[in-house]
Amino acid sequence: MDQESVLSPILSTLYIAPTFYIFEKRTQNFLSSISVSTLSFVDNGLFISQGKSYKKSNANIFCSYSIISSLFEQFGLMIEYNKLEMFYFSRSTKNYNSSPLDLGLLEGPLLQPKDK
């Protein structure tokens, strides 16, 4: 269905809302909880990971992406890799080196952090 259709937001919600619900239930079942929040805006999703280490945040996002991409595949949905973006925000006044997130093992792209 074309995204311009009036039914598109309704159908997106019917498919994506249960997917994110299952995602949240699965991440709660891990012994060491994955510290990631999700937000969804019709057919756009957002993972938020907070922490003191980019390495830990990247690991949380990687695990979350793995789960959500598996769920999307099971439901017959696609992730548009060209729309994936990653941002780092820091309270530090020092320059910091943010590392890219390689989703290649999950057949995804190498995400370079965007400049603020």
C-alpha atoms as a PDB file:
ATOM      1  CA  MET A   1       0.000   0.000   0.000  1.00  0.00           C
ATOM      2  CA  ASP A   2       1.243   3.475  -0.881  1.00  0.00           C
ATOM      3  CA  GLN A   3       2.206   5.722   2.050  1.00  0.00           C
ATOM      4  CA  GLU A   4       0.028   8.456   0.581  1.00  0.00           C
ATOM      5  CA  SER A   5      -3.108   6.385   1.155  1.00  0.00           C
ATOM      6  CA  VAL A   6      -5.456   7.423   3.955  1.00  0.00           C
ATOM      7  CA  LEU A   7      -5.359   3.815   5.206  1.00  0.00           C
ATOM      8  CA  SER A   8      -1.554   3.781   5.507  1.00  0.00           C
ATOM      9  CA  PRO A   9      -1.315   5.250   9.054  1.00  0.00           C
ATOM     10  CA  ILE A  10      -4.062   2.939  10.305  1.00  0.00           C
ATOM     11  CA  LEU A  11      -2.488  -0.187   8.805  1.00  0.00           C
ATOM     12  CA  SER A  12       0.959   0.841  10.039  1.00  0.00           C
ATOM     13  CA  THR A  13      -0.383   1.190  13.568  1.00  0.00           C
ATOM     14  CA  LEU A  14      -2.184  -2.159  13.395  1.00  0.00           C
ATOM     15  CA  TYR A  15       1.083  -3.921  12.472  1.00  0.00           C
ATOM     16  CA  ILE A  16       3.723  -1.899  14.287  1.00  0.00           C
ATOM     17  CA  ALA A  17       2.046  -1.384  17.695  1.00  0.00           C
ATOM     18  CA  PRO A  18       1.855  -5.127  18.467  1.00  0.00           C
ATOM     19  CA  THR A  19       5.436  -5.533  17.235  1.00  0.00           C
ATOM     20  CA  PHE A  20       6.731  -2.939  19.703  1.00  0.00           C
ATOM     21  CA  TYR A  21       4.590  -4.458  22.469  1.00  0.00           C
ATOM     22  CA  ILE A  22       6.155  -7.895  21.853  1.00  0.00           C
ATOM     23  CA  PHE A  23       9.592  -6.249  21.684  1.00  0.00           C
ATOM     24  CA  GLU A  24       9.125  -4.660  25.113  1.00  0.00           C
ATOM     25  CA  LYS A  25       7.929  -7.967  26.611  1.00  0.00           C
ATOM     26  CA  ARG A  26      10.928  -9.836  25.166  1.00  0.00           C
ATOM     27  CA  THR A  27      13.463  -7.318  26.440  1.00  0.00           C
ATOM     28  CA  GLN A  28      11.935  -7.508  29.941  1.00  0.00           C
ATOM     29  CA  ASN A  29      12.595 -11.261  29.975  1.00  0.00           C
ATOM     30  CA  PHE A  30      16.387 -10.918  29.728  1.00  0.00           C
ATOM     31  CA  LEU A  31      18.326 -11.574  32.915  1.00  0.00           C
ATOM     32  CA  SER A  32      20.417  -8.466  32.386  1.00  0.00           C
ATOM     33  CA  SER A  33      17.827  -6.041  31.125  1.00  0.00           C
ATOM     34  CA  ILE A  34      18.455  -4.213  27.887  1.00  0.00           C
ATOM     35  CA  SER A  35      18.250  -0.543  28.737  1.00  0.00           C
ATOM     36  CA  VAL A  36      16.361   0.745  25.698  1.00  0.00           C
ATOM     37  CA  SER A  37      13.151   2.727  25.347  1.00  0.00           C
ATOM     38  CA  THR A  38      11.100   2.835  22.175  1.00  0.00           C
ATOM     39  CA  LEU A  39       8.923   5.478  20.599  1.00  0.00           C
ATOM     40  CA  SER A  40       6.842   5.066  17.479  1.00  0.00           C
ATOM     41  CA  PHE A  41       5.350   7.715  15.208  1.00  0.00           C
ATOM     42  CA  VAL A  42       3.022   6.001  12.713  1.00  0.00           C
ATOM     43  CA  ASP A  43       5.601   4.128  10.597  1.00  0.00           C
ATOM     44  CA  ASN A  44       8.736   5.612  12.187  1.00  0.00           C
ATOM     45  CA  GLY A  45      10.386   4.084  15.228  1.00  0.00           C
ATOM     46  CA  LEU A  46      13.022   5.308  17.643  1.00  0.00           C
ATOM     47  CA  PHE A  47      15.309   3.430  20.037  1.00  0.00           C
ATOM     48  CA  ILE A  48      16.695   5.399  22.972  1.00  0.00           C
ATOM     49  CA  SER A  49      19.585   4.067  25.008  1.00  0.00           C
ATOM     50  CA  GLN A  50      21.080   6.056  27.866  1.00  0.00           C
ATOM     51  CA  GLY A  51      24.313   5.352  29.629  1.00  0.00           C
ATOM     52  CA  LYS A  52      27.808   6.469  30.466  1.00  0.00           C
ATOM     53  CA  SER A  53      29.435   4.380  27.751  1.00  0.00           C
ATOM     54  CA  TYR A  54      28.980   4.486  23.992  1.00  0.00           C
ATOM     55  CA  LYS A  55      30.024   0.842  23.888  1.00  0.00           C
ATOM     56  CA  LYS A  56      27.178  -0.191  26.215  1.00  0.00           C
ATOM     57  CA  SER A  57      24.654   1.997  24.368  1.00  0.00           C
ATOM     58  CA  ASN A  58      25.725   0.496  21.042  1.00  0.00           C
ATOM     59  CA  ALA A  59      25.349  -3.020  22.477  1.00  0.00           C
ATOM     60  CA  ASN A  60      21.840  -2.173  23.737  1.00  0.00           C
ATOM     61  CA  ILE A  61      20.817  -0.747  20.356  1.00  0.00           C
ATOM     62  CA  PHE A  62      22.362  -3.718  18.519  1.00  0.00           C
ATOM     63  CA  CYS A  63      20.389  -6.211  20.638  1.00  0.00           C
ATOM     64  CA  SER A  64      17.211  -4.181  20.249  1.00  0.00           C
ATOM     65  CA  TYR A  65      17.644  -3.946  16.493  1.00  0.00           C
ATOM     66  CA  SER A  66      18.203  -7.704  16.341  1.00  0.00           C
ATOM     67  CA  ILE A  67      14.944  -8.393  18.173  1.00  0.00           C
ATOM     68  CA  ILE A  68      12.842  -5.865  16.277  1.00  0.00           C
ATOM     69  CA  SER A  69      14.195  -6.886  12.852  1.00  0.00           C
ATOM     70  CA  SER A  70      13.390 -10.525  13.658  1.00  0.00           C
ATOM     71  CA  LEU A  71       9.849  -9.558  14.676  1.00  0.00           C
ATOM     72  CA  PHE A  72       9.388  -7.471  11.536  1.00  0.00           C
ATOM     73  CA  GLU A  73      10.530 -10.409   9.414  1.00  0.00           C
ATOM     74  CA  GLN A  74       8.077 -12.742  11.186  1.00  0.00           C
ATOM     75  CA  PHE A  75       5.230 -10.294  10.479  1.00  0.00           C
ATOM     76  CA  GLY A  76       6.295  -9.831   6.844  1.00  0.00           C
ATOM     77  CA  LEU A  77       7.343  -6.209   7.386  1.00  0.00           C
ATOM     78  CA  MET A  78      10.446  -4.463   6.031  1.00  0.00           C
ATOM     79  CA  ILE A  79      12.910  -2.041   7.585  1.00  0.00           C
ATOM     80  CA  GLU A  80      14.046   0.717   5.240  1.00  0.00           C
ATOM     81  CA  TYR A  81      17.799   0.800   5.924  1.00  0.00           C
ATOM     82  CA  ASN A  82      18.286   4.074   4.064  1.00  0.00           C
ATOM     83  CA  LYS A  83      16.143   5.787   6.731  1.00  0.00           C
ATOM     84  CA  LEU A  84      18.190   4.560   9.710  1.00  0.00           C
ATOM     85  CA  GLU A  85      20.061   7.265  11.590  1.00  0.00           C
ATOM     86  CA  MET A  86      22.014   7.406  14.818  1.00  0.00           C
ATOM     87  CA  PHE A  87      22.689  10.333  17.119  1.00  0.00           C
ATOM     88  CA  TYR A  88      24.839  10.632  20.224  1.00  0.00           C
ATOM     89  CA  PHE A  89      24.262  13.314  22.806  1.00  0.00           C
ATOM     90  CA  SER A  90      26.677  14.035  25.626  1.00  0.00           C
ATOM     91  CA  ARG A  91      26.716  16.342  28.619  1.00  0.00           C
ATOM     92  CA  SER A  92      30.489  16.433  28.474  1.00  0.00           C
ATOM     93  CA  THR A  93      32.130  19.667  27.392  1.00  0.00           C
ATOM     94  CA  LYS A  94      35.132  17.705  26.115  1.00  0.00           C
ATOM     95  CA  ASN A  95      35.382  16.359  22.606  1.00  0.00           C
ATOM     96  CA  TYR A  96      34.277  12.757  22.501  1.00  0.00           C
ATOM     97  CA  ASN A  97      34.733   9.983  20.019  1.00  0.00           C
ATOM     98  CA  SER A  98      31.457   8.345  19.172  1.00  0.00           C
ATOM     99  CA  SER A  99      31.788   5.026  17.436  1.00  0.00           C
ATOM    100  CA  PRO A 100      29.719   3.730  14.527  1.00  0.00           C
ATOM    101  CA  LEU A 101      27.207   0.933  15.007  1.00  0.00           C
ATOM    102  CA  ASP A 102      27.744  -2.015  12.677  1.00  0.00           C
ATOM    103  CA  LEU A 103      24.486  -3.838  11.961  1.00  0.00           C
ATOM    104  CA  GLY A 104      26.134  -5.937   9.233  1.00  0.00           C
ATOM    105  CA  LEU A 105      25.726  -9.180  11.174  1.00  0.00           C
ATOM    106  CA  LEU A 106      21.985  -8.537  11.049  1.00  0.00           C
ATOM    107  CA  GLU A 107      22.057  -7.685   7.334  1.00  0.00           C
ATOM    108  CA  GLY A 108      21.818  -4.014   8.221  1.00  0.00           C
ATOM    109  CA  PRO A 109      24.066  -1.031   7.475  1.00  0.00           C
ATOM    110  CA  LEU A 110      27.021   0.536   9.242  1.00  0.00           C
ATOM    111  CA  LEU A 111      25.506   3.534  11.016  1.00  0.00           C
ATOM    112  CA  GLN A 112      27.754   6.546  11.409  1.00  0.00           C
ATOM    113  CA  PRO A 113      26.699   9.000  14.119  1.00  0.00           C
ATOM    114  CA  LYS A 114      25.222  12.215  12.742  1.00  0.00           C
ATOM    115  CA  ASP A 115      26.689  15.598  13.659  1.00  0.00           C
ATOM    116  CA  LYS A 116      24.575  17.606  16.030  1.00  0.00           C
END
